[in-house]
Protein backbone atom coordinates (compact mmCIF):
# COMPACT_ATOMS: atom_id res chain seq x y z
CA MET A 1 13.15 10.38 30.55
CA THR A 2 10.76 10.96 27.66
CA THR A 3 8.69 7.96 26.61
CA PRO A 4 9.26 7.20 22.90
CA ILE A 5 6.19 7.44 20.71
CA TYR A 6 5.41 4.57 18.34
CA ASN A 7 2.81 5.40 15.70
CA PHE A 8 0.83 2.41 14.46
CA SER A 9 -1.38 4.43 12.09
CA PRO A 10 -2.54 2.58 8.95
CA GLY A 11 -2.09 5.76 6.90
CA PRO A 12 -1.04 8.42 6.62
CA ALA A 13 1.62 6.51 8.45
CA LEU A 14 4.93 7.00 10.14
CA LEU A 15 8.04 7.96 8.18
CA PRO A 16 11.64 7.08 8.99
CA PRO A 17 13.05 9.66 11.47
CA GLU A 18 16.09 10.13 9.23
CA VAL A 19 13.81 11.19 6.38
CA LEU A 20 11.91 13.67 8.53
CA GLN A 21 15.15 15.12 9.86
CA GLN A 22 16.59 15.53 6.37
CA ALA A 23 13.37 17.14 5.13
CA ALA A 24 13.40 19.52 8.09
CA ALA A 25 17.01 20.50 7.43
CA GLU A 26 16.21 21.16 3.76
CA MET A 27 12.85 22.82 4.32
CA VAL A 28 13.76 26.44 3.61
CA ASN A 29 16.85 25.96 1.46
CA TRP A 30 17.13 22.82 -0.64
CA HIS A 31 20.78 22.09 -1.52
CA GLY A 32 21.74 25.75 -1.48
CA SER A 33 19.07 26.73 -4.00
CA GLY A 34 17.54 29.30 -1.66
CA MET A 35 14.15 27.62 -2.15
CA SER A 36 12.01 25.12 -0.35
CA VAL A 37 10.96 22.18 -2.52
CA MET A 38 7.39 23.43 -2.00
CA GLU A 39 8.34 26.68 -3.76
CA MET A 40 10.13 25.25 -6.77
CA SER A 41 8.86 25.27 -10.32
CA HIS A 42 7.99 21.71 -11.18
CA ARG A 43 9.79 22.23 -14.50
CA GLY A 44 12.91 23.78 -13.05
CA LYS A 45 16.19 21.91 -13.03
CA GLU A 46 16.10 21.54 -9.24
CA PHE A 47 12.82 19.67 -9.09
CA MET A 48 13.55 17.72 -12.27
CA SER A 49 16.63 16.30 -10.55
CA ILE A 50 14.44 15.24 -7.60
CA LEU A 51 11.93 13.57 -9.92
CA GLU A 52 14.56 11.75 -11.95
CA SER A 53 16.28 10.47 -8.81
CA ALA A 54 13.01 9.21 -7.32
CA GLN A 55 12.08 7.37 -10.52
CA ARG A 56 15.54 5.84 -10.83
CA ASP A 57 15.69 4.70 -7.21
CA LEU A 58 12.22 3.16 -7.28
CA ARG A 59 13.11 1.26 -10.45
CA THR A 60 16.22 -0.04 -8.68
CA LEU A 61 14.41 -1.01 -5.47
CA LEU A 62 11.74 -3.05 -7.26
CA ASN A 63 13.92 -4.14 -10.18
CA VAL A 64 11.30 -2.73 -12.55
CA PRO A 65 11.89 -4.05 -16.10
CA SER A 66 12.67 -1.58 -18.87
CA ASN A 67 9.34 -2.25 -20.62
CA TYR A 68 7.40 -0.80 -17.67
CA LYS A 69 6.64 2.85 -17.05
CA ILE A 70 6.67 4.41 -13.60
CA LEU A 71 4.03 7.12 -13.29
CA PHE A 72 3.68 9.59 -10.43
CA MET A 73 0.02 10.55 -10.30
CA GLN A 74 -2.56 12.24 -8.08
CA GLY A 75 -5.95 11.17 -6.82
CA GLY A 76 -4.92 8.32 -4.55
CA ALA A 77 -5.33 4.59 -4.99
CA LEU A 78 -9.08 5.05 -4.64
CA ALA A 79 -9.11 7.16 -7.81
CA GLU A 80 -7.12 4.49 -9.62
CA ASN A 81 -10.17 2.24 -9.22
CA ALA A 82 -11.74 4.41 -11.91
CA ILE A 83 -8.57 5.35 -13.78
CA ILE A 84 -7.59 1.71 -14.35
CA PRO A 85 -10.77 0.57 -16.12
CA MET A 86 -10.82 3.78 -18.15
CA ASN A 87 -7.34 2.87 -19.39
CA LEU A 88 -7.67 -0.90 -19.77
CA VAL A 89 -11.17 -1.97 -20.79
CA GLY A 90 -10.81 -0.41 -24.23
CA ARG A 91 -8.17 -3.02 -25.12
CA VAL A 92 -10.71 -5.79 -25.58
CA SER A 93 -13.85 -6.37 -27.61
CA PRO A 94 -16.74 -6.71 -27.64
CA GLN A 95 -17.79 -3.98 -25.28
CA PRO A 96 -18.84 -3.69 -22.55
CA ALA A 97 -15.75 -5.47 -21.33
CA THR A 98 -15.57 -7.79 -18.32
CA ILE A 99 -13.25 -7.26 -15.38
CA ASP A 100 -12.48 -10.15 -13.03
CA PHE A 101 -12.07 -9.47 -9.31
CA ILE A 102 -11.02 -11.45 -6.27
CA HIS A 103 -12.95 -10.05 -3.31
CA THR A 104 -10.91 -10.31 -0.12
CA GLY A 105 -11.95 -7.30 1.92
CA ALA A 106 -12.90 -3.66 2.16
CA TRP A 107 -10.54 -2.29 -0.49
CA SER A 108 -11.21 -4.90 -3.15
CA GLY A 109 -14.89 -4.26 -2.41
CA LYS A 110 -14.49 -0.55 -3.14
CA SER A 111 -12.66 -1.43 -6.36
CA ILE A 112 -15.49 -3.70 -7.48
CA LYS A 113 -18.10 -1.04 -6.86
CA GLU A 114 -16.19 1.62 -8.82
CA ALA A 115 -15.30 -0.63 -11.76
CA ALA A 116 -18.96 -1.54 -12.27
CA LYS A 117 -19.47 1.99 -13.62
CA TYR A 118 -17.20 1.23 -16.59
CA ALA A 119 -17.53 -2.47 -17.34
CA LYS A 120 -19.18 -5.73 -16.42
CA VAL A 121 -17.79 -7.09 -13.18
CA ASN A 122 -17.22 -10.76 -12.50
CA VAL A 123 -16.37 -11.59 -8.89
CA ALA A 124 -14.36 -14.69 -9.69
CA ALA A 125 -13.92 -15.61 -6.03
CA SER A 126 -14.80 -14.10 -2.67
CA SER A 127 -14.01 -14.75 0.97
CA GLU A 128 -16.90 -12.60 2.19
CA GLY A 129 -18.64 -15.72 3.44
CA GLN A 130 -15.59 -16.38 5.61
CA LYS A 131 -15.70 -12.80 6.98
CA PHE A 132 -12.62 -11.98 4.87
CA GLN A 133 -10.41 -14.12 7.09
CA THR A 134 -8.77 -15.95 4.20
CA ILE A 135 -7.90 -15.68 0.50
CA PRO A 136 -9.95 -17.97 -1.76
CA ASP A 137 -8.13 -21.04 -3.01
CA ARG A 138 -6.71 -20.28 -6.47
CA ALA A 139 -8.15 -23.54 -7.81
CA LEU A 140 -11.66 -22.25 -7.10
CA TRP A 141 -11.43 -18.97 -8.98
CA GLN A 142 -14.03 -18.73 -11.75
CA LEU A 143 -12.20 -16.51 -14.22
CA SER A 144 -13.80 -15.14 -17.39
CA LYS A 145 -12.54 -16.26 -20.78
CA ASP A 146 -12.20 -12.75 -22.16
CA ALA A 147 -11.58 -10.49 -19.15
CA ALA A 148 -9.82 -7.20 -19.76
CA TYR A 149 -7.82 -7.86 -16.61
CA LEU A 150 -7.92 -9.45 -13.15
CA HIS A 151 -7.84 -7.10 -10.16
CA ILE A 152 -6.61 -8.07 -6.70
CA CYS A 153 -5.85 -6.12 -3.56
CA SER A 154 -2.66 -7.89 -2.56
CA ASN A 155 -2.75 -6.49 0.98
CA GLU A 156 -6.06 -5.62 2.61
CA THR A 157 -5.21 -2.84 5.07
CA ILE A 158 -8.47 -3.06 7.04
CA ASP A 159 -8.99 -6.82 7.14
CA GLY A 160 -5.32 -7.77 7.54
CA LEU A 161 -4.91 -10.22 4.65
CA GLU A 162 -1.91 -10.45 2.35
CA TYR A 163 -1.22 -12.52 -0.75
CA HIS A 164 1.99 -14.40 -0.06
CA PHE A 165 1.98 -15.62 -3.66
CA THR A 166 1.56 -14.14 -7.11
CA PRO A 167 -1.44 -15.77 -8.79
CA ASP A 168 -0.90 -17.32 -12.19
CA VAL A 169 -3.60 -15.93 -14.48
CA GLY A 170 -2.14 -16.74 -17.89
CA ASP A 171 -2.15 -13.97 -20.46
CA VAL A 172 -4.74 -11.83 -18.68
CA PRO A 173 -3.09 -8.72 -17.19
CA LEU A 174 -2.88 -8.95 -13.42
CA VAL A 175 -3.62 -5.63 -11.70
CA ALA A 176 -2.66 -5.30 -8.04
CA ASP A 177 -3.42 -2.66 -5.45
CA MET A 178 -0.25 -2.78 -3.34
CA SER A 179 -0.89 0.41 -1.40
CA SER A 180 -0.11 -0.96 2.03
CA HIS A 181 2.73 -3.38 1.34
CA ILE A 182 4.64 -2.04 -1.65
CA LEU A 183 8.42 -2.02 -0.98
CA SER A 184 7.96 -4.31 2.04
CA ARG A 185 8.86 -7.48 0.14
CA VAL A 186 10.52 -8.66 -3.04
CA ILE A 187 8.13 -8.98 -5.98
CA ASP A 188 8.53 -10.01 -9.60
CA VAL A 189 7.10 -6.98 -11.38
CA SER A 190 7.07 -8.84 -14.68
CA ARG A 191 4.25 -11.06 -13.34
CA TYR A 192 1.94 -8.04 -13.18
CA GLY A 193 0.38 -5.84 -15.84
CA VAL A 194 -0.22 -2.95 -13.44
CA ILE A 195 0.86 -2.26 -9.88
CA PHE A 196 -0.48 0.78 -8.10
CA ALA A 197 -0.16 2.22 -4.62
CA GLY A 198 -1.12 5.27 -2.64
CA ALA A 199 2.06 6.60 -1.07
CA GLN A 200 0.69 7.42 2.37
CA LYS A 201 1.10 3.99 3.91
CA ASN A 202 4.62 2.75 3.14
CA ILE A 203 6.25 5.46 1.03
CA GLY A 204 5.47 9.02 2.01
CA PRO A 205 2.77 11.64 2.50
CA ALA A 206 -0.72 11.55 1.07
CA GLY A 207 -1.23 13.09 -2.35
CA LEU A 208 1.00 10.85 -4.46
CA THR A 209 -0.03 7.67 -6.25
CA ILE A 210 2.53 5.43 -7.90
CA VAL A 211 1.54 3.40 -10.97
CA ILE A 212 3.85 0.83 -12.56
CA VAL A 213 2.40 -0.25 -15.89
CA ARG A 214 3.60 -2.49 -18.72
CA GLU A 215 4.07 -0.45 -21.88
CA ASP A 216 1.77 -2.54 -24.08
CA LEU A 217 -1.12 -1.71 -21.74
CA ILE A 218 -0.71 2.02 -22.36
CA GLY A 219 -2.57 3.84 -25.12
CA HIS A 220 -6.03 2.33 -24.85
CA ALA A 221 -7.86 4.95 -22.78
CA LEU A 222 -11.59 5.34 -23.31
CA PRO A 223 -12.63 8.60 -25.02
CA TYR A 224 -14.10 10.02 -21.82
CA CYS A 225 -10.99 9.36 -19.72
CA PRO A 226 -9.72 12.74 -18.44
CA SER A 227 -6.43 13.71 -20.08
CA ALA A 228 -4.65 13.98 -16.73
CA PHE A 229 -5.56 10.33 -16.03
CA ASP A 230 -4.71 8.92 -19.47
CA TRP A 231 -1.63 6.80 -18.85
CA LYS A 232 -0.23 7.47 -22.33
CA ILE A 233 -0.40 11.23 -21.87
CA VAL A 234 1.09 10.95 -18.38
CA ALA A 235 3.86 8.62 -19.61
CA ASP A 236 4.64 10.70 -22.70
CA ASN A 237 5.05 13.72 -20.44
CA ASP A 238 7.14 11.87 -17.84
CA SER A 239 4.49 12.45 -15.14
CA MET A 240 4.62 16.18 -15.86
CA TYR A 241 1.47 16.68 -17.94
CA ASN A 242 0.02 18.64 -15.04
CA THR A 243 1.74 19.94 -11.92
CA PRO A 244 2.62 16.80 -9.98
CA PRO A 245 2.51 16.51 -6.17
CA THR A 246 6.04 17.87 -5.90
CA TYR A 247 6.63 17.75 -2.16
CA ALA A 248 5.17 14.26 -1.86
CA ILE A 249 7.50 13.10 -4.64
CA TYR A 250 10.43 14.70 -2.83
CA ILE A 251 9.62 12.88 0.43
CA ALA A 252 9.07 9.61 -1.44
CA GLY A 253 12.47 10.05 -3.02
CA LEU A 254 14.05 10.47 0.42
CA VAL A 255 12.31 7.27 1.56
CA PHE A 256 13.66 5.44 -1.50
CA GLN A 257 17.18 6.62 -0.62
CA TRP A 258 16.65 5.48 2.98
CA LEU A 259 15.56 2.04 1.79
CA LEU A 260 18.63 1.73 -0.39
CA ARG A 261 20.81 2.60 2.61
CA GLN A 262 19.10 -0.16 4.61
CA GLY A 263 20.15 -2.66 1.96
CA GLY A 264 17.08 -2.62 -0.25
CA VAL A 265 13.77 -4.45 -0.32
CA ALA A 266 15.18 -7.93 0.34
CA VAL A 267 16.68 -6.74 3.62
CA MET A 268 13.47 -4.95 4.59
CA GLU A 269 11.47 -8.11 3.87
CA GLN A 270 13.50 -10.08 6.40
CA LYS A 271 13.01 -7.35 8.98
CA ASN A 272 9.28 -7.31 8.30
CA ILE A 273 9.03 -11.09 8.62
CA ALA A 274 10.73 -10.87 12.02
CA LYS A 275 8.52 -8.01 13.24
CA ALA A 276 5.30 -9.70 12.17
CA ALA A 277 6.36 -13.02 13.68
CA LEU A 278 6.93 -11.39 17.06
CA LEU A 279 3.43 -9.96 17.12
CA TYR A 280 1.56 -12.94 15.72
CA ASP A 281 3.44 -15.45 17.86
CA TYR A 282 2.31 -13.59 20.94
CA LEU A 283 -1.28 -13.31 19.73
CA ASP A 284 -1.32 -17.06 19.13
CA SER A 285 0.08 -17.76 22.60
CA THR A 286 -2.57 -15.95 24.64
CA ASN A 287 -6.30 -16.30 25.22
CA PHE A 288 -6.63 -12.63 26.14
CA TYR A 289 -6.21 -11.41 22.54
CA ARG A 290 -6.99 -13.00 19.21
CA ASN A 291 -6.35 -12.58 15.47
CA ASP A 292 -8.92 -14.29 13.25
CA VAL A 293 -7.07 -14.29 9.91
CA ALA A 294 -5.88 -17.62 8.51
CA LYS A 295 -2.20 -17.98 9.35
CA ASP A 296 -1.11 -18.41 5.73
CA CYS A 297 -2.86 -15.16 4.75
CA ARG A 298 -1.84 -12.84 7.58
CA SER A 299 -0.52 -9.45 6.56
CA ARG A 300 2.98 -8.49 7.63
CA MET A 301 1.98 -4.83 7.45
CA ASN A 302 -1.46 -4.62 9.08
CA ALA A 303 -2.30 -6.84 12.02
CA PRO A 304 -5.86 -6.54 13.36
CA PHE A 305 -6.51 -8.06 16.76
CA PHE A 306 -9.30 -8.18 19.31
CA LEU A 307 -9.55 -8.34 23.06
CA ARG A 308 -11.59 -11.33 24.22
CA ASP A 309 -13.46 -8.92 26.47
CA GLU A 310 -14.22 -5.98 24.22
CA SER A 311 -15.61 -3.95 27.12
CA LEU A 312 -11.93 -3.30 27.89
CA ASN A 313 -11.24 -1.67 24.50
CA ASP A 314 -11.32 1.93 25.73
CA ALA A 315 -9.12 1.15 28.69
CA PHE A 316 -6.66 -0.65 26.43
CA LEU A 317 -6.40 2.32 24.07
CA ALA A 318 -6.07 4.84 26.90
CA GLY A 319 -3.29 2.84 28.52
CA ALA A 320 -1.56 2.36 25.19
CA LYS A 321 -1.51 6.10 24.61
CA GLU A 322 0.02 6.66 28.05
CA ALA A 323 2.68 4.10 27.10
CA GLY A 324 3.51 5.98 23.88
CA LEU A 325 1.67 3.57 21.59
CA VAL A 326 -0.72 5.57 19.41
CA GLN A 327 -3.32 5.00 16.68
CA LEU A 328 -4.03 1.38 17.53
CA LYS A 329 -7.81 1.57 17.19
CA GLY A 330 -9.16 -0.75 14.53
CA HIS A 331 -11.14 0.45 11.53
CA LYS A 332 -14.72 1.36 12.37
CA SER A 333 -16.06 -1.32 10.01
CA VAL A 334 -14.40 -4.19 11.90
CA GLY A 335 -13.67 -2.79 15.37
CA GLY A 336 -11.00 -4.06 17.71
CA MET A 337 -7.40 -2.99 17.34
CA ARG A 338 -4.95 -2.81 14.48
CA ALA A 339 -1.19 -2.48 14.50
CA SER A 340 0.19 -1.23 11.19
CA ILE A 341 3.87 -2.12 11.17
CA TYR A 342 5.24 -0.69 7.95
CA ASN A 343 8.90 -0.49 6.92
CA ALA A 344 9.55 2.54 9.12
CA MET A 345 8.34 0.82 12.29
CA PRO A 346 11.42 -0.35 14.21
CA ILE A 347 11.40 -3.69 15.98
CA GLU A 348 11.62 -1.75 19.24
CA GLY A 349 8.09 -0.54 18.53
CA ILE A 350 6.83 -4.11 18.34
CA GLU A 351 8.66 -4.99 21.55
CA ALA A 352 7.12 -2.00 23.33
CA LEU A 353 3.65 -2.96 22.09
CA LEU A 354 4.06 -6.54 23.29
CA ALA A 355 5.34 -5.41 26.69
CA TYR A 356 2.25 -3.25 27.11
CA MET A 357 -0.12 -5.97 25.87
CA ARG A 358 1.32 -8.46 28.37
CA LYS A 359 1.06 -5.97 31.20
CA PHE A 360 -2.53 -5.09 30.30
CA ALA A 361 -3.49 -8.77 30.02
CA ASP A 362 -1.93 -9.59 33.41
CA LYS A 363 -3.77 -6.69 35.03
CA ASN A 364 -7.14 -7.56 33.52
CA ALA A 365 -7.06 -11.35 33.39
């Protein structure tokens, strides 16, 4: 009997088997067109139907209000750290504008560094002193009076923190990097000015970036913003100003359809709560492993954990691979282990991981 493989990669991450099977079946002949999606003209009626369906289904899944644009872009979420200030800081005066940040880990740190090239940066709160094991208390945030926007990373993939609330920041646009937990939980899009996400963690393959932006925030790009990254140009051309990442959009669209068949984001959220609870409850019950993140800030998508005896790390990973549990090694900057348990991870994967962890702990206690 073949051992099932459970892929805990933080990204590019696992996709639902149904999606991969459908993509395989359609690889050389999409819907009788005689073409693979990879061969289609991005302006042909076949691909336009794929694009329109993906946009429509994403709007449905997240209940995106009509005054928000959905943009399919390239460059990844990392590139958006430059694209966002180039599109937003021109809204305010005087220049140079100020951008507020909440620093909660590696990805918000990268965002801060990039934004400093385009504006003044105010780190309104940071949990660096707490080794990024918590989210700073909202009451302690030192926000600027005239910030162009406030940037948060609402799920820190490396450090394993997640905002389980939407911060109230008044009239200042709230910008959120949701790369690693978008579509995993219900959100009120209207509370945000901009939501962006790289697709390769919870949506599809690398190469696609999704931007959801309120219409009044479009049209303020700085003069040196490249045309392909100017949100107004992208929106006016329905994400077709340049050749979009067509195959990545196609796969994302299949994932959106799969999510709708599961019952939508609210249903997925309950499944994700249950999966995360299984893992964290076990980690909290044993002295062999530990998770250092404050319980009220733990990510449902990315769970870092450590062996008490880190000399056993290599043995743990080797045994996990033999058990069909792959890509559990933690990020090089923090070490340890990390289980990324996105929407496509079935609860059976969590159960298999826990069975192995118990066995390994018993053997090495």
